[in-house]
Protein backbone atom coordinates (compact mmCIF):
# COMPACT_ATOMS: atom_id res chain seq x y z
CA UNK A 1 8.85 3.16 15.53
CA UNK A 2 8.11 5.10 12.37
CA UNK A 3 4.66 6.56 11.80
CA UNK A 4 5.27 7.05 8.09
CA UNK A 5 2.96 5.35 5.60
CA UNK A 6 3.72 5.05 1.88
CA UNK A 7 0.49 5.22 -0.11
CA UNK A 8 0.65 3.81 -3.64
CA UNK A 9 -2.60 4.94 -5.26
CA UNK A 10 -3.49 6.50 -8.61
CA UNK A 11 -6.97 7.87 -7.88
CA UNK A 12 -6.77 11.46 -6.52
CA UNK A 13 -10.05 11.09 -4.58
CA UNK A 14 -8.80 7.93 -2.85
CA UNK A 15 -5.44 9.60 -2.16
CA UNK A 16 -7.14 12.58 -0.52
CA UNK A 17 -9.50 10.45 1.58
CA UNK A 18 -6.88 7.92 2.72
CA UNK A 19 -4.29 10.61 3.41
CA UNK A 20 -6.75 12.74 5.41
CA UNK A 21 -7.91 9.78 7.50
CA UNK A 22 -4.38 8.56 8.22
CA UNK A 23 -3.09 12.01 9.16
CA UNK A 24 -6.09 13.34 11.12
CA UNK A 25 -7.39 10.16 12.76
CA UNK A 26 -4.29 7.97 12.84
CA UNK A 27 -1.54 10.50 13.47
CA UNK A 28 0.47 9.11 10.56
CA UNK A 29 2.67 10.94 8.09
CA UNK A 30 1.75 9.92 4.53
CA UNK A 31 4.00 9.83 1.48
CA UNK A 32 2.26 9.26 -1.86
CA UNK A 33 3.69 7.87 -5.10
CA UNK A 34 2.79 5.70 -8.05
CA UNK A 35 6.26 5.82 -9.64
CA UNK A 36 7.98 2.44 -9.18
CA UNK A 37 11.54 3.75 -8.81
CA UNK A 38 10.39 6.38 -6.30
CA UNK A 39 8.40 3.75 -4.36
CA UNK A 40 11.52 1.58 -4.15
CA UNK A 41 13.69 4.52 -3.06
CA UNK A 42 11.21 5.67 -0.40
CA UNK A 43 10.81 2.11 0.90
CA UNK A 44 14.59 1.85 1.26
CA UNK A 45 15.33 5.31 2.64
CA UNK A 46 12.28 6.90 4.29
CA UNK A 47 11.79 4.70 7.37
CA UNK A 48 8.36 3.47 6.24
CA UNK A 49 6.11 1.72 8.81
CA UNK A 50 3.80 0.25 6.14
CA UNK A 51 2.79 0.50 2.49
CA UNK A 52 -0.82 0.77 1.35
CA UNK A 53 -0.75 -0.63 -2.19
CA UNK A 54 -3.51 -0.15 -4.74
CA UNK A 55 -3.71 -3.42 -6.67
CA UNK A 56 -4.89 -1.88 -9.97
CA UNK A 57 -2.67 1.02 -10.89
CA UNK A 58 -3.33 2.61 -14.28
CA UNK A 59 -0.24 4.75 -14.80
CA UNK A 60 2.66 2.90 -13.19
CA UNK A 61 5.42 1.44 -15.31
CA UNK A 62 8.71 -0.30 -14.67
CA UNK A 63 11.51 -0.69 -17.21
CA UNK A 64 9.16 0.45 -19.96
CA UNK A 65 6.17 -1.78 -19.24
CA UNK A 66 2.93 -1.17 -17.38
CA UNK A 67 2.81 -2.77 -13.94
CA UNK A 68 0.22 -3.10 -11.17
CA UNK A 69 0.34 -3.15 -7.39
CA UNK A 70 0.82 -6.92 -7.34
CA UNK A 71 4.05 -6.54 -9.33
CA UNK A 72 5.30 -3.63 -7.21
CA UNK A 73 4.57 -5.52 -3.97
CA UNK A 74 6.48 -8.53 -5.32
CA UNK A 75 9.42 -6.21 -6.13
CA UNK A 76 9.41 -4.84 -2.57
CA UNK A 77 9.17 -8.33 -1.07
CA UNK A 78 12.08 -9.65 -3.22
CA UNK A 79 14.36 -6.82 -2.09
CA UNK A 80 16.37 -7.62 1.04
CA UNK A 81 16.22 -3.94 2.07
CA UNK A 82 12.41 -3.61 1.85
CA UNK A 83 10.94 -7.08 2.38
CA UNK A 84 10.34 -6.41 6.10
CA UNK A 85 7.94 -3.51 5.43
CA UNK A 86 4.33 -4.64 5.88
CA UNK A 87 2.08 -4.14 2.84
CA UNK A 88 -1.67 -3.59 2.98
CA UNK A 89 -3.24 -4.31 -0.41
CA UNK A 90 -6.22 -2.13 -1.34
CA UNK A 91 -8.48 -3.21 -4.17
CA UNK A 92 -11.90 -2.70 -5.62
CA UNK A 93 -11.70 -6.18 -7.13
CA UNK A 94 -12.89 -7.87 -3.99
CA UNK A 95 -14.33 -11.12 -5.29
CA UNK A 96 -14.56 -14.25 -3.22
CA UNK A 97 -11.12 -15.85 -2.99
CA UNK A 98 -9.26 -12.72 -4.18
CA UNK A 99 -7.99 -11.86 -0.72
CA UNK A 100 -6.21 -15.19 -0.28
CA UNK A 101 -4.96 -15.23 -3.88
CA UNK A 102 -3.49 -11.69 -3.69
CA UNK A 103 -1.91 -12.24 -0.27
CA UNK A 104 -0.31 -15.48 -1.47
CA UNK A 105 0.86 -13.93 -4.77
CA UNK A 106 2.49 -10.93 -3.11
CA UNK A 107 3.52 -11.86 0.42
CA UNK A 108 1.53 -8.84 1.62
CA UNK A 109 0.42 -8.76 5.26
CA UNK A 110 -3.10 -7.40 4.81
CA UNK A 111 -5.94 -6.63 2.44
CA UNK A 112 -8.69 -4.02 2.43
CA UNK A 113 -11.58 -3.74 -0.02
CA UNK A 114 -12.25 -0.44 -1.78
CA UNK A 115 -14.05 1.83 -1.79
CA UNK A 116 -13.07 2.56 1.79
CA UNK A 117 -15.86 4.55 3.43
CA UNK A 118 -15.20 3.98 7.11
CA UNK A 119 -12.14 5.74 8.56
CA UNK A 120 -12.05 3.36 11.55
CA UNK A 121 -11.80 0.33 9.24
CA UNK A 122 -8.82 1.88 7.44
CA UNK A 123 -7.00 2.81 10.67
CA UNK A 124 -7.67 -0.67 12.07
CA UNK A 125 -6.33 -2.36 8.91
CA UNK A 126 -3.16 -0.24 8.99
CA UNK A 127 -2.56 -0.88 12.69
CA UNK A 128 -3.12 -4.62 12.15
CA UNK A 129 -0.32 -4.86 9.56
CA UNK A 130 2.05 -2.62 11.53
CA UNK A 131 1.35 -4.62 14.65
CA UNK A 132 0.58 -1.65 16.92
């Protein structure tokens, strides 16, 4: 079983925190990208155990248009080669009903509200979607 997590996040502070927690406390290897083509390639080729997907990405684009984490997750879930990879959505837009709406829209396996302050909560959420 792979211990490699693909983190799709555009905020450098969140990247550093999430990466540090996953590596030091979870024993995971973390790959980071916000480039759609690279995300697709890594998901296909890098033996990814799970993807942590920021819902609101500010700099990602696909075929010339701006896209968010919802779109990228839908791309991964439509692709035969990557649909099996569990996705944990991470969002600061945690309003009542958002969790269900985002999970239904994307086919993602989990959801975590940001900001993430508690390392144990993050590790638990990742393990829950990986099923370990």
